[in-house]
Amino acid sequence: MTHLWVRAEQRPNEERVGLTPEGAAALIGAGIRVSVEESSVRALPIAGYRAAGCEIVAENLWPEAPSDAIIFGLKELPEDGTPLRHRHIMFGHAFKGQPAGQVLLKRFKAGGGTLYDLEYLVDESGRRVAAFGYWAGYAGAALALKCWAAQQRGGIAGAVGRYPGKAALLADLARDCDGLGRPRALIIGALGRVGSGAADLCRAMDVAVTGWDMAETASGGPFPEVLAHEIFLNCILARPGCPVFVPASARTAPRALTVIGDIACDPTSDFSPIKVYDRATDWEAPALRVHDAPPLDVTAIDNLPSLLPVESSEDYAAQLLPSLLTLRDPEAGVWGRAKAEYLRHQVG
């Protein structure tokens, strides 16, 4: 019997989960054994999983799971260097040359395990079967607007935390922007899931949006329009051949731009289109000031959907469930393609 083990997230400020209790019940009904770890932070209560018929196990017990269990989580594992012997479903951030990703791949190599990277679960046409993109865009645009509002008041954005839902987020933003005008935002990647979420947040907050996608960036740049908007939202994943949207010279160039929301957030990739910063920001310090006068702040948090963990979990889990239902044959279909991608990037 295929055994799916849903681990607790161990990264700070991570409350999402990729399987709802309703989804777990569907897997069990399809003949898949489901174990779910207790979690002190998960946005969805454990009682729902228990009622669905899941086996409930202790928090962070996954290293001791049976060797044939498939471990399912979202974000990073503890960086303790231990070999990884299981098959893992997770966001590995390991296939674009990221330094931490190379360390992760070596751990899989040492333990004989396999990484099914959630970013590389694709259908026959190469399209991702599930993504948190919409809520990443929504939350990323919200943080960029927070950064802008803090600048207008002579400061820099302070710590952020989770919201129980988007209504609470919008109410908080309204308080931040009370008495202020509104910036103009340029979204690159506007036709994708990330861009649509960013645009929806901007519309909800009366921020004027210029939406660009592949046609507008086909020239390869430079793109002076980026510097002509107060906020730039990058919704394009870094890939080989990606144009540079913000060169290093933008720090000191004449510009209206004061906030960059790098929602794709891949600053350590060789292909990053944003060249004014080199590290992600976090919940305690969401804004990185890369130039003082006039100010230029970058916000680049790599688990943005966790600001809205309930909505983002439910949405993502619904997208992923049809693929999870095919786990009884992990060598075929979406899982076979993911394994092949892992083997293609496996370190020597």
Protein backbone atom coordinates (compact mmCIF):
# COMPACT_ATOMS: atom_id res chain seq x y z
CA MET A 1 0.00 0.00 0.00
CA THR A 2 1.29 3.47 -0.87
CA HIS A 3 2.02 5.38 2.32
CA LEU A 4 1.93 9.20 2.34
CA TRP A 5 3.42 10.81 5.47
CA VAL A 6 2.48 14.49 5.92
CA ARG A 7 5.20 16.07 8.02
CA ALA A 8 4.95 19.12 10.23
CA GLU A 9 6.67 22.19 8.85
CA GLN A 10 9.81 23.09 10.77
CA ARG A 11 10.61 26.42 9.17
CA PRO A 12 9.67 29.54 11.20
CA ASN A 13 6.51 31.34 10.06
CA GLU A 14 5.29 28.40 8.02
CA GLU A 15 1.74 27.28 8.77
CA ARG A 16 0.67 25.95 5.36
CA VAL A 17 -0.05 22.35 4.46
CA GLY A 18 -0.47 20.72 1.06
CA LEU A 19 -3.29 18.34 2.02
CA THR A 20 -6.63 19.17 3.63
CA PRO A 21 -8.64 16.70 5.74
CA GLU A 22 -11.09 16.35 2.84
CA GLY A 23 -8.20 15.52 0.52
CA ALA A 24 -6.83 13.02 3.01
CA ALA A 25 -10.19 11.27 3.12
CA ALA A 26 -10.15 11.02 -0.68
CA LEU A 27 -6.67 9.47 -0.62
CA ILE A 28 -7.69 6.95 2.02
CA GLY A 29 -10.75 6.10 -0.02
CA ALA A 30 -8.45 5.44 -2.98
CA GLY A 31 -6.42 2.93 -0.98
CA ILE A 32 -3.53 5.18 0.11
CA ARG A 33 -2.39 5.08 3.71
CA VAL A 34 -2.07 8.59 5.17
CA SER A 35 -0.10 9.52 8.28
CA VAL A 36 -0.22 13.12 9.49
CA GLU A 37 2.16 14.54 12.07
CA GLU A 38 0.91 16.63 14.92
CA SER A 39 1.90 20.27 14.43
CA SER A 40 2.08 23.17 16.84
CA VAL A 41 1.70 25.68 13.97
CA ARG A 42 -0.34 24.15 11.11
CA ALA A 43 -3.21 26.41 10.03
CA LEU A 44 -5.61 23.47 9.64
CA PRO A 45 -6.40 21.67 12.93
CA ILE A 46 -5.33 18.06 13.45
CA ALA A 47 -8.87 17.07 14.48
CA GLY A 48 -10.01 17.20 10.88
CA TYR A 49 -7.34 14.73 9.80
CA ARG A 50 -8.19 12.39 12.65
CA ALA A 51 -11.86 12.49 11.67
CA ALA A 52 -10.88 11.72 8.07
CA GLY A 53 -9.27 8.46 9.18
CA CYS A 54 -5.60 9.47 9.08
CA GLU A 55 -3.03 7.90 11.36
CA ILE A 56 -1.87 10.71 13.67
CA VAL A 57 1.82 10.60 14.59
CA ALA A 58 4.15 12.74 16.68
CA GLU A 59 5.48 16.05 15.41
CA ASN A 60 8.77 15.86 13.47
CA LEU A 61 8.84 12.05 13.55
CA TRP A 62 9.36 11.77 9.79
CA PRO A 63 13.07 10.73 9.97
CA GLU A 64 11.85 7.54 11.68
CA ALA A 65 9.06 6.84 9.20
CA PRO A 66 9.10 3.48 7.40
CA SER A 67 11.55 3.49 4.53
CA ASP A 68 8.79 3.05 1.96
CA ALA A 69 6.81 6.08 3.18
CA ILE A 70 6.70 9.13 0.93
CA ILE A 71 7.33 12.22 3.07
CA PHE A 72 5.22 15.21 2.08
CA GLY A 73 5.97 18.74 3.23
CA LEU A 74 6.28 22.15 1.67
CA LYS A 75 9.33 24.08 2.79
CA GLU A 76 12.89 23.36 3.84
CA LEU A 77 14.05 20.50 6.03
CA PRO A 78 16.34 21.20 8.99
CA GLU A 79 19.84 21.87 7.68
CA ASP A 80 21.54 19.26 9.82
CA GLY A 81 23.41 17.49 7.03
CA THR A 82 21.83 14.10 7.66
CA PRO A 83 21.46 11.77 4.66
CA LEU A 84 17.91 11.61 3.28
CA ARG A 85 16.76 8.04 2.70
CA HIS A 86 13.09 8.62 1.93
CA ARG A 87 11.25 9.85 -1.10
CA HIS A 88 10.32 13.46 -0.35
CA ILE A 89 7.66 15.69 -1.91
CA MET A 90 8.61 19.32 -1.19
CA PHE A 91 9.85 22.58 -2.65
CA GLY A 92 13.56 21.84 -2.89
CA HIS A 93 14.81 25.05 -4.57
CA ALA A 94 17.72 22.96 -5.78
CA PHE A 95 17.68 22.82 -9.58
CA LYS A 96 18.87 26.34 -10.48
CA GLY A 97 22.32 26.23 -8.94
CA GLN A 98 21.31 27.58 -5.54
CA PRO A 99 24.10 26.89 -2.98
CA ALA A 100 21.73 25.52 -0.33
CA GLY A 101 20.08 23.39 -3.00
CA GLN A 102 23.36 21.73 -3.86
CA VAL A 103 23.80 20.76 -0.22
CA LEU A 104 20.27 19.30 -0.21
CA LEU A 105 20.96 17.24 -3.32
CA LYS A 106 24.11 15.83 -1.73
CA ARG A 107 22.02 14.72 1.25
CA PHE A 108 19.65 12.86 -1.06
CA LYS A 109 22.59 11.29 -2.84
CA ALA A 110 24.12 10.16 0.46
CA GLY A 111 20.89 8.62 1.74
CA GLY A 112 19.62 7.12 -1.49
CA GLY A 113 16.39 9.11 -1.36
CA THR A 114 14.53 10.94 -4.10
CA LEU A 115 13.25 14.51 -4.38
CA TYR A 116 9.90 15.05 -6.07
CA ASP A 117 10.15 18.82 -6.31
CA LEU A 118 6.74 20.47 -6.18
CA GLU A 119 7.92 23.22 -8.50
CA TYR A 120 8.57 20.59 -11.17
CA LEU A 121 5.34 18.61 -11.00
CA VAL A 122 4.12 19.15 -14.55
CA ASP A 123 1.57 17.69 -16.93
CA GLU A 124 2.30 16.31 -20.40
CA SER A 125 2.51 19.83 -21.83
CA GLY A 126 5.01 20.98 -19.19
CA ARG A 127 2.54 23.11 -17.23
CA ARG A 128 2.71 22.97 -13.45
CA VAL A 129 -0.15 20.99 -11.95
CA ALA A 130 -0.31 23.05 -8.74
CA ALA A 131 1.11 26.33 -7.54
CA PHE A 132 0.79 28.79 -4.68
CA GLY A 133 1.32 31.55 -7.24
CA TYR A 134 -1.94 33.47 -6.85
CA TRP A 135 -1.54 33.91 -3.10
CA ALA A 136 2.18 34.65 -3.43
CA GLY A 137 1.27 37.47 -5.79
CA TYR A 138 -1.51 38.73 -3.53
CA ALA A 139 0.66 38.75 -0.41
CA GLY A 140 3.75 40.03 -2.23
CA ALA A 141 1.88 43.02 -3.59
CA ALA A 142 0.52 43.70 -0.12
CA LEU A 143 4.02 43.75 1.37
CA ALA A 144 5.30 46.03 -1.40
CA LEU A 145 2.47 48.45 -0.62
CA LYS A 146 3.34 48.24 3.08
CA CYS A 147 6.93 49.13 2.22
CA TRP A 148 5.79 52.10 0.15
CA ALA A 149 3.49 53.38 2.90
CA ALA A 150 6.29 53.14 5.46
CA GLN A 151 8.56 55.14 3.15
CA GLN A 152 5.92 57.87 2.81
CA ARG A 153 5.99 58.25 6.57
CA GLY A 154 9.79 58.46 6.64
CA GLY A 155 10.48 54.91 7.81
CA ILE A 156 10.96 51.35 6.67
CA ALA A 157 8.48 48.49 6.89
CA GLY A 158 8.49 46.61 10.17
CA ALA A 159 7.80 43.00 11.09
CA VAL A 160 4.80 41.24 9.58
CA GLY A 161 2.78 38.22 10.67
CA ARG A 162 0.07 35.87 9.49
CA TYR A 163 -3.48 37.03 8.81
CA PRO A 164 -6.61 34.96 9.48
CA GLY A 165 -7.87 35.87 6.02
CA LYS A 166 -7.58 38.40 3.21
CA ALA A 167 -10.22 40.70 4.72
CA ALA A 168 -7.96 41.23 7.72
CA LEU A 169 -5.00 41.87 5.42
CA LEU A 170 -6.90 44.48 3.41
CA ALA A 171 -8.06 46.20 6.59
CA ASP A 172 -4.47 46.38 7.84
CA LEU A 173 -3.30 47.84 4.52
CA ALA A 174 -6.07 50.43 4.62
CA ARG A 175 -4.75 51.58 7.99
CA ASP A 176 -1.19 51.73 6.65
CA CYS A 177 -2.27 53.84 3.68
CA ASP A 178 -4.72 56.09 5.51
CA GLY A 179 -4.17 59.69 4.45
CA LEU A 180 -1.74 58.80 1.69
CA GLY A 181 -2.17 58.87 -2.06
CA ARG A 182 -1.51 55.77 -4.10
CA PRO A 183 1.58 54.66 -6.03
CA ARG A 184 1.64 53.24 -9.56
CA ALA A 185 2.68 49.61 -9.94
CA LEU A 186 4.27 47.77 -12.86
CA ILE A 187 3.69 44.01 -12.83
CA ILE A 188 5.88 41.84 -15.05
CA GLY A 189 4.31 38.42 -15.44
CA ALA A 190 0.84 39.91 -15.30
CA LEU A 191 -0.83 37.09 -17.23
CA GLY A 192 0.31 34.33 -14.87
CA ARG A 193 -1.09 33.13 -11.57
CA VAL A 194 1.35 35.22 -9.54
CA GLY A 195 0.65 38.33 -11.55
CA SER A 196 -3.11 37.89 -11.32
CA GLY A 197 -2.90 37.71 -7.53
CA ALA A 198 -0.71 40.81 -7.42
CA ALA A 199 -3.10 42.68 -9.71
CA ASP A 200 -6.12 41.71 -7.62
CA LEU A 201 -4.49 43.10 -4.47
CA CYS A 202 -3.57 46.31 -6.26
CA ARG A 203 -7.12 46.75 -7.55
CA ALA A 204 -8.53 46.13 -4.08
CA MET A 205 -6.29 48.94 -2.78
CA ASP A 206 -6.93 51.36 -5.71
CA VAL A 207 -3.34 51.07 -6.96
CA ALA A 208 -3.05 51.75 -10.69
CA VAL A 209 -1.45 48.81 -12.50
CA THR A 210 0.54 48.53 -15.70
CA GLY A 211 0.56 44.85 -16.66
CA TRP A 212 3.40 43.39 -18.75
CA ASP A 213 4.07 39.86 -19.87
CA MET A 214 6.23 38.11 -22.47
CA ALA A 215 5.34 40.40 -25.36
CA GLU A 216 6.46 43.52 -23.52
CA THR A 217 9.77 42.01 -22.40
CA ALA A 218 10.69 40.20 -25.62
CA SER A 219 13.19 42.93 -26.57
CA GLY A 220 15.43 41.87 -23.69
CA GLY A 221 15.68 45.36 -22.22
CA PRO A 222 16.66 47.73 -20.86
CA PHE A 223 13.22 48.66 -19.54
CA PRO A 224 13.06 52.32 -18.45
CA GLU A 225 9.36 51.86 -17.64
CA VAL A 226 10.36 49.88 -14.55
CA LEU A 227 12.03 52.96 -13.11
CA ALA A 228 9.03 55.15 -14.00
CA HIS A 229 6.67 53.35 -11.57
CA GLU A 230 6.83 53.72 -7.79
CA ILE A 231 6.41 49.96 -7.26
CA PHE A 232 7.75 47.15 -9.45
CA LEU A 233 6.41 43.64 -8.87
CA ASN A 234 8.45 40.81 -10.39
CA CYS A 235 6.22 37.79 -10.97
CA ILE A 236 8.55 35.94 -13.36
CA LEU A 237 10.48 32.88 -12.21
CA ALA A 238 14.21 33.11 -12.85
CA ARG A 239 15.14 30.90 -15.80
CA PRO A 240 17.96 30.83 -18.35
CA GLY A 241 17.49 33.67 -20.79
CA CYS A 242 15.36 35.79 -18.45
CA PRO A 243 15.98 39.50 -19.15
CA VAL A 244 17.38 41.78 -16.44
CA PHE A 245 14.54 44.01 -15.30
CA VAL A 246 16.42 45.98 -12.64
CA PRO A 247 20.18 46.38 -13.24
CA ALA A 248 22.57 47.22 -10.42
CA SER A 249 22.78 50.78 -11.77
CA ALA A 250 19.12 51.37 -10.84
CA ARG A 251 20.16 52.21 -7.29
CA THR A 252 21.56 55.58 -8.35
CA ALA A 253 19.65 56.16 -11.60
CA PRO A 254 16.96 58.84 -11.82
CA ARG A 255 13.77 57.01 -10.91
CA ALA A 256 10.29 57.16 -9.48
CA LEU A 257 10.82 53.56 -8.33
CA THR A 258 11.15 53.19 -4.56
CA VAL A 259 9.92 49.63 -3.89
CA ILE A 260 10.70 46.35 -5.63
CA GLY A 261 8.54 43.38 -4.72
CA ASP A 262 10.53 40.39 -5.98
CA ILE A 263 7.70 37.93 -5.56
CA ALA A 264 9.53 35.21 -7.47
CA CYS A 265 12.32 35.65 -4.89
CA ASP A 266 15.31 33.81 -6.25
CA PRO A 267 18.18 36.24 -5.53
CA THR A 268 20.91 33.59 -5.39
CA SER A 269 20.07 32.21 -8.82
CA ASP A 270 22.41 33.12 -11.67
CA PHE A 271 19.29 34.02 -13.65
CA SER A 272 17.76 36.51 -11.21
CA PRO A 273 16.37 39.53 -13.11
CA ILE A 274 16.79 41.82 -10.09
CA LYS A 275 20.44 42.84 -9.64
CA VAL A 276 20.22 45.35 -6.79
CA TYR A 277 20.10 42.77 -3.98
CA ASP A 278 21.53 39.35 -3.15
CA ARG A 279 19.55 37.89 -0.26
CA ALA A 280 15.96 37.20 0.67
CA THR A 281 14.18 39.23 3.32
CA ASP A 282 12.10 37.75 6.13
CA TRP A 283 9.08 38.33 8.32
CA GLU A 284 11.03 40.22 10.98
CA ALA A 285 12.62 42.56 8.44
CA PRO A 286 10.56 42.40 5.23
CA ALA A 287 12.29 45.37 3.56
CA LEU A 288 15.94 45.52 2.54
CA ARG A 289 17.08 49.10 1.87
CA VAL A 290 19.54 49.01 -1.01
CA HIS A 291 19.80 52.80 -1.45
CA ASP A 292 19.06 55.65 0.95
CA ALA A 293 18.31 58.83 -0.96
CA PRO A 294 15.98 58.51 -2.69
CA PRO A 295 15.09 55.28 -0.90
CA LEU A 296 14.94 51.97 -2.73
CA ASP A 297 13.62 49.00 -0.76
CA VAL A 298 13.40 45.38 -1.89
CA THR A 299 10.96 42.97 -0.30
CA ALA A 300 11.60 39.33 -1.17
CA ILE A 301 10.12 36.76 1.20
CA ASP A 302 10.17 33.20 -0.12
CA ASN A 303 7.10 31.88 1.70
CA LEU A 304 4.70 34.73 0.99
CA PRO A 305 1.51 32.62 0.86
CA SER A 306 2.01 31.84 4.55
CA LEU A 307 0.77 35.33 5.32
CA LEU A 308 -2.63 33.85 4.36
CA PRO A 309 -2.10 30.21 5.35
CA VAL A 310 -5.70 28.99 5.36
CA GLU A 311 -6.74 30.31 1.94
CA SER A 312 -3.44 29.42 0.30
CA SER A 313 -3.41 25.88 1.75
CA GLU A 314 -6.96 25.13 0.68
CA ASP A 315 -6.36 26.45 -2.84
CA TYR A 316 -3.07 24.63 -3.36
CA ALA A 317 -4.29 21.35 -1.86
CA ALA A 318 -7.28 21.33 -4.22
CA GLN A 319 -4.97 21.78 -7.22
CA LEU A 320 -2.54 19.06 -6.07
CA LEU A 321 -5.04 16.39 -4.99
CA PRO A 322 -5.60 14.85 -8.45
CA SER A 323 -1.86 14.21 -8.72
CA LEU A 324 -1.62 12.81 -5.19
CA LEU A 325 -4.36 10.35 -6.13
CA THR A 326 -1.95 8.88 -8.71
CA LEU A 327 0.81 8.22 -6.16
CA ARG A 328 0.13 4.50 -6.25
CA ASP A 329 2.35 4.53 -9.33
CA PRO A 330 5.10 7.03 -8.44
CA GLU A 331 7.21 6.05 -11.45
CA ALA A 332 4.64 7.21 -14.00
CA GLY A 333 2.96 10.43 -15.06
CA VAL A 334 3.59 13.59 -13.08
CA TRP A 335 5.70 11.74 -10.49
CA GLY A 336 7.81 9.97 -13.10
CA ARG A 337 8.56 13.30 -14.74
CA ALA A 338 9.49 14.83 -11.37
CA LYS A 339 11.83 11.94 -10.61
CA ALA A 340 13.48 12.29 -13.99
CA GLU A 341 14.07 15.98 -13.28
CA TYR A 342 15.70 15.08 -9.97
CA LEU A 343 17.94 12.49 -11.62
CA ARG A 344 18.93 15.04 -14.26
CA HIS A 345 20.16 17.43 -11.53
CA GLN A 346 21.60 14.80 -9.19
CA VAL A 347 25.04 15.75 -7.95
CA GLY A 348 27.99 13.45 -8.56
